[in-house]
Amino acid sequence: MKKLTISSDRFASRRSTASESGSVPDEKTVIYIAQRYIEREYGRRGAAAMRVTALRSGVLIVSVSDALWAQELWMARAALCEHVNTTCHATVVRRVVAQTGV
C-alpha cells in the first residue's frame, strides 16, 4: 500500500526540483526563505525588527532593531538554520549573526 503524504509546505515543489538537479538556491532565495520564517514565527512586528540582509560563506546576517530581538534571534538560530537548510535540501546556512541597527 502506498503512503499518502500531505505537505503544507509552500516550497515542497521547489525542494523536489532543487534536489533532483543538485543545485543550491541563490542568495536572494535563501534570504527570502529565512525572512518568511521570521515573519511566520514572530509576526509583522518581529519581521520589521529582524531583517535578513545577507548570506556570506554560510553565515546568515540578520539586522535587528535592539538587544531584545537579538536575544530572540539567538535563541531561535538553530531552528532558523534547520528550516532554511531543510527547505533548500542543502547545508546553505551554518551560522546566524545578528547586527544591531535596522
PDB file of N, CA and C in Angstrom:
ATOM      1  N   MET A   1       0.834  -1.171   0.000  1.00  0.00           N
ATOM      2  CA  MET A   1       0.000   0.000   0.000  1.00  0.00           C
ATOM      3  C   MET A   1       0.883   1.239   0.000  1.00  0.00           C
ATOM      4  N   LYS A   2       0.530   2.203  -0.816  1.00  0.00           N
ATOM      5  CA  LYS A   2       1.301   3.428  -0.952  1.00  0.00           C
ATOM      6  C   LYS A   2       0.896   4.431   0.115  1.00  0.00           C
ATOM      7  N   LYS A   3       1.894   5.070   0.748  1.00  0.00           N
ATOM      8  CA  LYS A   3       1.605   6.075   1.765  1.00  0.00           C
ATOM      9  C   LYS A   3       1.255   7.401   1.111  1.00  0.00           C
ATOM     10  N   LEU A   4       0.284   8.064   1.687  1.00  0.00           N
ATOM     11  CA  LEU A   4      -0.121   9.379   1.209  1.00  0.00           C
ATOM     12  C   LEU A   4       0.512  10.423   2.109  1.00  0.00           C
ATOM     13  N   THR A   5       1.274  11.306   1.514  1.00  0.00           N
ATOM     14  CA  THR A   5       1.929  12.360   2.274  1.00  0.00           C
ATOM     15  C   THR A   5       1.309  13.694   1.891  1.00  0.00           C
ATOM     16  N   ILE A   6       0.844  14.400   2.894  1.00  0.00           N
ATOM     17  CA  ILE A   6       0.264  15.715   2.663  1.00  0.00           C
ATOM     18  C   ILE A   6       1.234  16.739   3.222  1.00  0.00           C
ATOM     19  N   SER A   7       1.633  17.673   2.384  1.00  0.00           N
ATOM     20  CA  SER A   7       2.583  18.686   2.802  1.00  0.00           C
ATOM     21  C   SER A   7       1.943  20.062   2.715  1.00  0.00           C
ATOM     22  N   SER A   8       2.043  20.810   3.802  1.00  0.00           N
ATOM     23  CA  SER A   8       1.527  22.171   3.791  1.00  0.00           C
ATOM     24  C   SER A   8       2.648  23.159   3.498  1.00  0.00           C
ATOM     25  N   ASP A   9       3.824  22.640   3.166  1.00  0.00           N
ATOM     26  CA  ASP A   9       4.976  23.486   2.905  1.00  0.00           C
ATOM     27  C   ASP A   9       4.848  24.113   1.516  1.00  0.00           C
ATOM     28  N   ARG A  10       4.989  25.411   1.448  1.00  0.00           N
ATOM     29  CA  ARG A  10       4.875  26.117   0.168  1.00  0.00           C
ATOM     30  C   ARG A  10       6.021  25.796  -0.777  1.00  0.00           C
ATOM     31  N   PHE A  11       7.140  25.349  -0.215  1.00  0.00           N
ATOM     32  CA  PHE A  11       8.323  25.131  -1.022  1.00  0.00           C
ATOM     33  C   PHE A  11       8.502  23.675  -1.419  1.00  0.00           C
ATOM     34  N   ALA A  12       7.500  22.844  -1.215  1.00  0.00           N
ATOM     35  CA  ALA A  12       7.633  21.415  -1.481  1.00  0.00           C
ATOM     36  C   ALA A  12       7.985  21.156  -2.947  1.00  0.00           C
ATOM     37  N   SER A  13       7.349  21.856  -3.881  1.00  0.00           N
ATOM     38  CA  SER A  13       7.645  21.620  -5.286  1.00  0.00           C
ATOM     39  C   SER A  13       9.036  22.121  -5.643  1.00  0.00           C
ATOM     40  N   ARG A  14       9.472  23.220  -5.045  1.00  0.00           N
ATOM     41  CA  ARG A  14      10.809  23.741  -5.302  1.00  0.00           C
ATOM     42  C   ARG A  14      11.877  22.806  -4.749  1.00  0.00           C
ATOM     43  N   ARG A  15      11.605  22.213  -3.592  1.00  0.00           N
ATOM     44  CA  ARG A  15      12.587  21.317  -2.988  1.00  0.00           C
ATOM     45  C   ARG A  15      12.835  20.113  -3.872  1.00  0.00           C
ATOM     46  N   SER A  16      11.784  19.538  -4.427  1.00  0.00           N
ATOM     47  CA  SER A  16      11.978  18.344  -5.236  1.00  0.00           C
ATOM     48  C   SER A  16      12.790  18.657  -6.491  1.00  0.00           C
ATOM     49  N   THR A  17      12.560  19.798  -7.123  1.00  0.00           N
ATOM     50  CA  THR A  17      13.332  20.124  -8.312  1.00  0.00           C
ATOM     51  C   THR A  17      14.759  20.479  -7.958  1.00  0.00           C
ATOM     52  N   ALA A  18      14.979  21.151  -6.808  1.00  0.00           N
ATOM     53  CA  ALA A  18      16.339  21.516  -6.409  1.00  0.00           C
ATOM     54  C   ALA A  18      17.145  20.272  -6.071  1.00  0.00           C
ATOM     55  N   SER A  19      16.521  19.303  -5.393  1.00  0.00           N
ATOM     56  CA  SER A  19      17.269  18.108  -5.014  1.00  0.00           C
ATOM     57  C   SER A  19      17.529  17.209  -6.214  1.00  0.00           C
ATOM     58  N   GLU A  20      16.624  17.188  -7.167  1.00  0.00           N
ATOM     59  CA  GLU A  20      16.823  16.353  -8.338  1.00  0.00           C
ATOM     60  C   GLU A  20      17.930  16.897  -9.219  1.00  0.00           C
ATOM     61  N   SER A  21      18.001  18.217  -9.354  1.00  0.00           N
ATOM     62  CA  SER A  21      19.008  18.801 -10.225  1.00  0.00           C
ATOM     63  C   SER A  21      20.344  18.978  -9.511  1.00  0.00           C
ATOM     64  N   GLY A  22      20.342  18.876  -8.162  1.00  0.00           N
ATOM     65  CA  GLY A  22      21.569  19.026  -7.409  1.00  0.00           C
ATOM     66  C   GLY A  22      21.999  20.465  -7.240  1.00  0.00           C
ATOM     67  N   SER A  23      21.135  21.404  -7.581  1.00  0.00           N
ATOM     68  CA  SER A  23      21.506  22.815  -7.478  1.00  0.00           C
ATOM     69  C   SER A  23      21.165  23.367  -6.101  1.00  0.00           C
ATOM     70  N   VAL A  24      21.905  24.387  -5.710  1.00  0.00           N
ATOM     71  CA  VAL A  24      21.682  25.080  -4.448  1.00  0.00           C
ATOM     72  C   VAL A  24      21.070  26.430  -4.786  1.00  0.00           C
ATOM     73  N   PRO A  25      20.052  26.870  -4.018  1.00  0.00           N
ATOM     74  CA  PRO A  25      19.420  28.155  -4.318  1.00  0.00           C
ATOM     75  C   PRO A  25      20.393  29.322  -4.173  1.00  0.00           C
ATOM     76  N   ASP A  26      20.105  30.390  -4.887  1.00  0.00           N
ATOM     77  CA  ASP A  26      20.958  31.567  -4.810  1.00  0.00           C
ATOM     78  C   ASP A  26      20.719  32.341  -3.507  1.00  0.00           C
ATOM     79  N   GLU A  27      21.520  33.366  -3.285  1.00  0.00           N
ATOM     80  CA  GLU A  27      21.483  34.135  -2.040  1.00  0.00           C
ATOM     81  C   GLU A  27      20.123  34.780  -1.802  1.00  0.00           C
ATOM     82  N   LYS A  28      19.521  35.340  -2.837  1.00  0.00           N
ATOM     83  CA  LYS A  28      18.226  36.004  -2.673  1.00  0.00           C
ATOM     84  C   LYS A  28      17.139  35.028  -2.243  1.00  0.00           C
ATOM     85  N   THR A  29      17.163  33.825  -2.767  1.00  0.00           N
ATOM     86  CA  THR A  29      16.181  32.812  -2.399  1.00  0.00           C
ATOM     87  C   THR A  29      16.351  32.399  -0.945  1.00  0.00           C
ATOM     88  N   VAL A  30      17.579  32.210  -0.517  1.00  0.00           N
ATOM     89  CA  VAL A  30      17.847  31.835   0.872  1.00  0.00           C
ATOM     90  C   VAL A  30      17.398  32.952   1.813  1.00  0.00           C
ATOM     91  N   ILE A  31      17.680  34.193   1.460  1.00  0.00           N
ATOM     92  CA  ILE A  31      17.253  35.338   2.271  1.00  0.00           C
ATOM     93  C   ILE A  31      15.732  35.383   2.354  1.00  0.00           C
ATOM     94  N   TYR A  32      15.060  35.145   1.241  1.00  0.00           N
ATOM     95  CA  TYR A  32      13.597  35.150   1.218  1.00  0.00           C
ATOM     96  C   TYR A  32      13.034  34.058   2.137  1.00  0.00           C
ATOM     97  N   ILE A  33      13.595  32.864   2.064  1.00  0.00           N
ATOM     98  CA  ILE A  33      13.124  31.749   2.890  1.00  0.00           C
ATOM     99  C   ILE A  33      13.316  32.078   4.369  1.00  0.00           C
ATOM    100  N   ALA A  34      14.476  32.617   4.723  1.00  0.00           N
ATOM    101  CA  ALA A  34      14.750  32.967   6.118  1.00  0.00           C
ATOM    102  C   ALA A  34      13.823  34.079   6.603  1.00  0.00           C
ATOM    103  N   GLN A  35      13.593  35.085   5.785  1.00  0.00           N
ATOM    104  CA  GLN A  35      12.727  36.196   6.187  1.00  0.00           C
ATOM    105  C   GLN A  35      11.284  35.733   6.363  1.00  0.00           C
ATOM    106  N   ARG A  36      10.820  34.859   5.498  1.00  0.00           N
ATOM    107  CA  ARG A  36       9.463  34.314   5.640  1.00  0.00           C
ATOM    108  C   ARG A  36       9.333  33.497   6.922  1.00  0.00           C
ATOM    109  N   TYR A  37      10.378  32.776   7.285  1.00  0.00           N
ATOM    110  CA  TYR A  37      10.360  32.014   8.530  1.00  0.00           C
ATOM    111  C   TYR A  37      10.247  32.960   9.720  1.00  0.00           C
ATOM    112  N   ILE A  38      11.014  34.023   9.720  1.00  0.00           N
ATOM    113  CA  ILE A  38      10.962  35.010  10.807  1.00  0.00           C
ATOM    114  C   ILE A  38       9.575  35.633  10.880  1.00  0.00           C
ATOM    115  N   GLU A  39       9.010  35.974   9.736  1.00  0.00           N
ATOM    116  CA  GLU A  39       7.665  36.567   9.715  1.00  0.00           C
ATOM    117  C   GLU A  39       6.624  35.584  10.238  1.00  0.00           C
ATOM    118  N   ARG A  40       6.759  34.323   9.881  1.00  0.00           N
ATOM    119  CA  ARG A  40       5.805  33.318  10.337  1.00  0.00           C
ATOM    120  C   ARG A  40       5.915  33.094  11.846  1.00  0.00           C
ATOM    121  N   GLU A  41       7.121  33.080  12.378  1.00  0.00           N
ATOM    122  CA  GLU A  41       7.336  32.824  13.799  1.00  0.00           C
ATOM    123  C   GLU A  41       7.066  34.033  14.683  1.00  0.00           C
ATOM    124  N   TYR A  42       7.384  35.238  14.207  1.00  0.00           N
ATOM    125  CA  TYR A  42       7.318  36.431  15.050  1.00  0.00           C
ATOM    126  C   TYR A  42       6.310  37.478  14.581  1.00  0.00           C
ATOM    127  N   GLY A  43       5.639  37.239  13.491  1.00  0.00           N
ATOM    128  CA  GLY A  43       4.628  38.173  13.012  1.00  0.00           C
ATOM    129  C   GLY A  43       5.229  39.402  12.357  1.00  0.00           C
ATOM    130  N   ARG A  44       4.369  40.372  12.066  1.00  0.00           N
ATOM    131  CA  ARG A  44       4.813  41.591  11.372  1.00  0.00           C
ATOM    132  C   ARG A  44       5.790  42.404  12.212  1.00  0.00           C
ATOM    133  N   ARG A  45       5.517  42.471  13.505  1.00  0.00           N
ATOM    134  CA  ARG A  45       6.394  43.253  14.385  1.00  0.00           C
ATOM    135  C   ARG A  45       7.808  42.645  14.414  1.00  0.00           C
ATOM    136  N   GLY A  46       7.876  41.349  14.519  1.00  0.00           N
ATOM    137  CA  GLY A  46       9.181  40.688  14.516  1.00  0.00           C
ATOM    138  C   GLY A  46       9.885  40.804  13.172  1.00  0.00           C
ATOM    139  N   ALA A  47       9.119  40.708  12.092  1.00  0.00           N
ATOM    140  CA  ALA A  47       9.705  40.832  10.756  1.00  0.00           C
ATOM    141  C   ALA A  47      10.224  42.239  10.517  1.00  0.00           C
ATOM    142  N   ALA A  48       9.547  43.239  11.108  1.00  0.00           N
ATOM    143  CA  ALA A  48      10.020  44.614  10.976  1.00  0.00           C
ATOM    144  C   ALA A  48      11.275  44.846  11.816  1.00  0.00           C
ATOM    145  N   ALA A  49      11.390  44.136  12.937  1.00  0.00           N
ATOM    146  CA  ALA A  49      12.531  44.308  13.834  1.00  0.00           C
ATOM    147  C   ALA A  49      13.734  43.461  13.433  1.00  0.00           C
ATOM    148  N   MET A  50      13.497  42.379  12.675  1.00  0.00           N
ATOM    149  CA  MET A  50      14.586  41.495  12.244  1.00  0.00           C
ATOM    150  C   MET A  50      14.544  41.371  10.726  1.00  0.00           C
ATOM    151  N   ARG A  51      15.552  41.892  10.064  1.00  0.00           N
ATOM    152  CA  ARG A  51      15.641  41.846   8.603  1.00  0.00           C
ATOM    153  C   ARG A  51      16.860  41.046   8.182  1.00  0.00           C
ATOM    154  N   VAL A  52      16.633  40.013   7.395  1.00  0.00           N
ATOM    155  CA  VAL A  52      17.750  39.228   6.865  1.00  0.00           C
ATOM    156  C   VAL A  52      18.388  40.062   5.759  1.00  0.00           C
ATOM    157  N   THR A  53      19.665  40.361   5.916  1.00  0.00           N
ATOM    158  CA  THR A  53      20.318  41.277   4.979  1.00  0.00           C
ATOM    159  C   THR A  53      21.277  40.608   4.007  1.00  0.00           C
ATOM    160  N   ALA A  54      21.937  39.520   4.433  1.00  0.00           N
ATOM    161  CA  ALA A  54      22.924  38.907   3.530  1.00  0.00           C
ATOM    162  C   ALA A  54      23.211  37.472   3.931  1.00  0.00           C
ATOM    163  N   LEU A  55      23.819  36.774   2.983  1.00  0.00           N
ATOM    164  CA  LEU A  55      24.333  35.426   3.206  1.00  0.00           C
ATOM    165  C   LEU A  55      25.748  35.411   2.653  1.00  0.00           C
ATOM    166  N   ARG A  56      26.719  35.234   3.545  1.00  0.00           N
ATOM    167  CA  ARG A  56      28.122  35.236   3.115  1.00  0.00           C
ATOM    168  C   ARG A  56      28.834  34.019   3.659  1.00  0.00           C
ATOM    169  N   SER A  57      29.270  33.159   2.781  1.00  0.00           N
ATOM    170  CA  SER A  57      30.033  31.949   3.152  1.00  0.00           C
ATOM    171  C   SER A  57      29.354  31.126   4.236  1.00  0.00           C
ATOM    172  N   GLY A  58      28.053  30.930   4.099  1.00  0.00           N
ATOM    173  CA  GLY A  58      27.305  30.113   5.043  1.00  0.00           C
ATOM    174  C   GLY A  58      26.860  30.842   6.291  1.00  0.00           C
ATOM    175  N   VAL A  59      27.129  32.142   6.381  1.00  0.00           N
ATOM    176  CA  VAL A  59      26.729  32.940   7.532  1.00  0.00           C
ATOM    177  C   VAL A  59      25.559  33.828   7.125  1.00  0.00           C
ATOM    178  N   LEU A  60      24.430  33.634   7.792  1.00  0.00           N
ATOM    179  CA  LEU A  60      23.233  34.434   7.533  1.00  0.00           C
ATOM    180  C   LEU A  60      23.290  35.662   8.440  1.00  0.00           C
ATOM    181  N   ILE A  61      23.293  36.841   7.844  1.00  0.00           N
ATOM    182  CA  ILE A  61      23.399  38.082   8.602  1.00  0.00           C
ATOM    183  C   ILE A  61      22.022  38.701   8.724  1.00  0.00           C
ATOM    184  N   VAL A  62      21.605  38.951   9.970  1.00  0.00           N
ATOM    185  CA  VAL A  62      20.285  39.500  10.258  1.00  0.00           C
ATOM    186  C   VAL A  62      20.459  40.812  11.016  1.00  0.00           C
ATOM    187  N   SER A  63      19.892  41.898  10.490  1.00  0.00           N
ATOM    188  CA  SER A  63      19.902  43.182  11.186  1.00  0.00           C
ATOM    189  C   SER A  63      18.727  43.209  12.143  1.00  0.00           C
ATOM    190  N   VAL A  64      19.003  43.571  13.389  1.00  0.00           N
ATOM    191  CA  VAL A  64      17.965  43.628  14.417  1.00  0.00           C
ATOM    192  C   VAL A  64      17.879  45.041  14.964  1.00  0.00           C
ATOM    193  N   SER A  65      16.692  45.416  15.447  1.00  0.00           N
ATOM    194  CA  SER A  65      16.485  46.787  15.912  1.00  0.00           C
ATOM    195  C   SER A  65      17.050  47.046  17.298  1.00  0.00           C
ATOM    196  N   ASP A  66      17.055  46.038  18.160  1.00  0.00           N
ATOM    197  CA  ASP A  66      17.586  46.232  19.514  1.00  0.00           C
ATOM    198  C   ASP A  66      18.000  44.894  20.124  1.00  0.00           C
ATOM    199  N   ALA A  67      18.479  44.965  21.361  1.00  0.00           N
ATOM    200  CA  ALA A  67      19.017  43.782  22.033  1.00  0.00           C
ATOM    201  C   ALA A  67      17.961  42.706  22.287  1.00  0.00           C
ATOM    202  N   LEU A  68      16.726  43.122  22.508  1.00  0.00           N
ATOM    203  CA  LEU A  68      15.655  42.155  22.744  1.00  0.00           C
ATOM    204  C   LEU A  68      15.489  41.232  21.535  1.00  0.00           C
ATOM    205  N   TRP A  69      15.451  41.810  20.354  1.00  0.00           N
ATOM    206  CA  TRP A  69      15.294  40.996  19.149  1.00  0.00           C
ATOM    207  C   TRP A  69      16.560  40.205  18.838  1.00  0.00           C
ATOM    208  N   ALA A  70      17.704  40.736  19.208  1.00  0.00           N
ATOM    209  CA  ALA A  70      18.948  39.975  19.039  1.00  0.00           C
ATOM    210  C   ALA A  70      18.920  38.717  19.908  1.00  0.00           C
ATOM    211  N   GLN A  71      18.376  38.847  21.118  1.00  0.00           N
ATOM    212  CA  GLN A  71      18.260  37.692  22.004  1.00  0.00           C
ATOM    213  C   GLN A  71      17.264  36.679  21.447  1.00  0.00           C
ATOM    214  N   GLU A  72      16.142  37.141  20.917  1.00  0.00           N
ATOM    215  CA  GLU A  72      15.160  36.238  20.291  1.00  0.00           C
ATOM    216  C   GLU A  72      15.799  35.481  19.129  1.00  0.00           C
ATOM    217  N   LEU A  73      16.554  36.198  18.320  1.00  0.00           N
ATOM    218  CA  LEU A  73      17.236  35.564  17.193  1.00  0.00           C
ATOM    219  C   LEU A  73      18.255  34.544  17.676  1.00  0.00           C
ATOM    220  N   TRP A  74      18.982  34.870  18.727  1.00  0.00           N
ATOM    221  CA  TRP A  74      19.988  33.968  19.286  1.00  0.00           C
ATOM    222  C   TRP A  74      19.349  32.657  19.740  1.00  0.00           C
ATOM    223  N   MET A  75      18.177  32.766  20.388  1.00  0.00           N
ATOM    224  CA  MET A  75      17.505  31.562  20.876  1.00  0.00           C
ATOM    225  C   MET A  75      16.915  30.730  19.735  1.00  0.00           C
ATOM    226  N   ALA A  76      16.576  31.365  18.628  1.00  0.00           N
ATOM    227  CA  ALA A  76      15.941  30.660  17.512  1.00  0.00           C
ATOM    228  C   ALA A  76      16.918  30.328  16.384  1.00  0.00           C
ATOM    229  N   ARG A  77      18.199  30.567  16.586  1.00  0.00           N
ATOM    230  CA  ARG A  77      19.156  30.414  15.488  1.00  0.00           C
ATOM    231  C   ARG A  77      19.223  28.985  14.958  1.00  0.00           C
ATOM    232  N   ALA A  78      19.159  27.998  15.827  1.00  0.00           N
ATOM    233  CA  ALA A  78      19.233  26.600  15.371  1.00  0.00           C
ATOM    234  C   ALA A  78      18.012  26.231  14.542  1.00  0.00           C
ATOM    235  N   ALA A  79      16.837  26.665  14.990  1.00  0.00           N
ATOM    236  CA  ALA A  79      15.606  26.372  14.238  1.00  0.00           C
ATOM    237  C   ALA A  79      15.607  27.080  12.888  1.00  0.00           C
ATOM    238  N   LEU A  80      16.120  28.301  12.853  1.00  0.00           N
ATOM    239  CA  LEU A  80      16.198  29.047  11.594  1.00  0.00           C
ATOM    240  C   LEU A  80      17.136  28.352  10.622  1.00  0.00           C
ATOM    241  N   CYS A  81      18.305  27.957  11.081  1.00  0.00           N
ATOM    242  CA  CYS A  81      19.255  27.231  10.220  1.00  0.00           C
ATOM    243  C   CYS A  81      18.643  25.934   9.700  1.00  0.00           C
ATOM    244  N   GLU A  82      18.025  25.191  10.593  1.00  0.00           N
ATOM    245  CA  GLU A  82      17.425  23.920  10.205  1.00  0.00           C
ATOM    246  C   GLU A  82      16.323  24.117   9.161  1.00  0.00           C
ATOM    247  N   HIS A  83      15.477  25.120   9.366  1.00  0.00           N
ATOM    248  CA  HIS A  83      14.386  25.371   8.419  1.00  0.00           C
ATOM    249  C   HIS A  83      14.925  25.720   7.033  1.00  0.00           C
ATOM    250  N   VAL A  84      15.888  26.633   6.979  1.00  0.00           N
ATOM    251  CA  VAL A  84      16.444  27.050   5.684  1.00  0.00           C
ATOM    252  C   VAL A  84      17.137  25.873   5.004  1.00  0.00           C
ATOM    253  N   ASN A  85      17.947  25.132   5.739  1.00  0.00           N
ATOM    254  CA  ASN A  85      18.673  24.010   5.140  1.00  0.00           C
ATOM    255  C   ASN A  85      17.737  22.888   4.697  1.00  0.00           C
ATOM    256  N   THR A  86      16.687  22.639   5.469  1.00  0.00           N
ATOM    257  CA  THR A  86      15.713  21.617   5.089  1.00  0.00           C
ATOM    258  C   THR A  86      14.953  22.045   3.835  1.00  0.00           C
ATOM    259  N   THR A  87      14.568  23.292   3.794  1.00  0.00           N
ATOM    260  CA  THR A  87      13.834  23.801   2.637  1.00  0.00           C
ATOM    261  C   THR A  87      14.692  23.767   1.378  1.00  0.00           C
ATOM    262  N   CYS A  88      15.978  24.064   1.515  1.00  0.00           N
ATOM    263  CA  CYS A  88      16.889  24.098   0.369  1.00  0.00           C
ATOM    264  C   CYS A  88      17.481  22.738   0.028  1.00  0.00           C
ATOM    265  N   HIS A  89      17.273  21.743   0.891  1.00  0.00           N
ATOM    266  CA  HIS A  89      17.868  20.412   0.708  1.00  0.00           C
ATOM    267  C   HIS A  89      19.376  20.480   0.555  1.00  0.00           C
ATOM    268  N   ALA A  90      19.983  21.379   1.288  1.00  0.00           N
ATOM    269  CA  ALA A  90      21.440  21.519   1.286  1.00  0.00           C
ATOM    270  C   ALA A  90      21.840  22.298   2.529  1.00  0.00           C
ATOM    271  N   THR A  91      23.082  22.163   2.925  1.00  0.00           N
ATOM    272  CA  THR A  91      23.573  22.947   4.051  1.00  0.00           C
ATOM    273  C   THR A  91      24.037  24.290   3.518  1.00  0.00           C
ATOM    274  N   VAL A  92      23.113  25.227   3.519  1.00  0.00           N
ATOM    275  CA  VAL A  92      23.369  26.559   2.988  1.00  0.00           C
ATOM    276  C   VAL A  92      23.769  27.505   4.111  1.00  0.00           C
ATOM    277  N   VAL A  93      23.110  27.376   5.261  1.00  0.00           N
ATOM    278  CA  VAL A  93      23.368  28.251   6.406  1.00  0.00           C
ATOM    279  C   VAL A  93      23.997  27.417   7.523  1.00  0.00           C
ATOM    280  N   ARG A  94      25.172  27.842   7.961  1.00  0.00           N
ATOM    281  CA  ARG A  94      25.838  27.173   9.074  1.00  0.00           C
ATOM    282  C   ARG A  94      25.766  27.985  10.357  1.00  0.00           C
ATOM    283  N   ARG A  95      25.614  29.292  10.221  1.00  0.00           N
ATOM    284  CA  ARG A  95      25.625  30.183  11.367  1.00  0.00           C
ATOM    285  C   ARG A  95      24.716  31.374  11.115  1.00  0.00           C
ATOM    286  N   VAL A  96      24.161  31.927  12.196  1.00  0.00           N
ATOM    287  CA  VAL A  96      23.330  33.132  12.109  1.00  0.00           C
ATOM    288  C   VAL A  96      23.979  34.197  12.986  1.00  0.00           C
ATOM    289  N   VAL A  97      24.154  35.396  12.423  1.00  0.00           N
ATOM    290  CA  VAL A  97      24.777  36.505  13.133  1.00  0.00           C
ATOM    291  C   VAL A  97      23.812  37.677  13.157  1.00  0.00           C
ATOM    292  N   ALA A  98      23.704  38.314  14.325  1.00  0.00           N
ATOM    293  CA  ALA A  98      22.832  39.484  14.473  1.00  0.00           C
ATOM    294  C   ALA A  98      23.681  40.755  14.430  1.00  0.00           C
ATOM    295  N   GLN A  99      23.187  41.730  13.671  1.00  0.00           N
ATOM    296  CA  GLN A  99      23.776  43.071  13.643  1.00  0.00           C
ATOM    297  C   GLN A  99      22.733  44.037  14.145  1.00  0.00           C
ATOM    298  N   THR A 100      23.093  44.926  15.039  1.00  0.00           N
ATOM    299  CA  THR A 100      22.113  45.886  15.526  1.00  0.00           C
ATOM    300  C   THR A 100      22.007  47.057  14.562  1.00  0.00           C
ATOM    301  N   GLY A 101      20.782  47.574  14.457  1.00  0.00           N
ATOM    302  CA  GLY A 101      20.542  48.750  13.618  1.00  0.00           C
ATOM    303  C   GLY A 101      19.771  48.478  12.350  1.00  0.00           C
ATOM    304  N   VAL A 102      18.485  48.204  12.462  1.00  0.00           N
ATOM    305  CA  VAL A 102      17.635  48.000  11.284  1.00  0.00           C
ATOM    306  C   VAL A 102      17.341  49.330  10.663  1.00  0.00           C
TER     307      VAL A 102
END
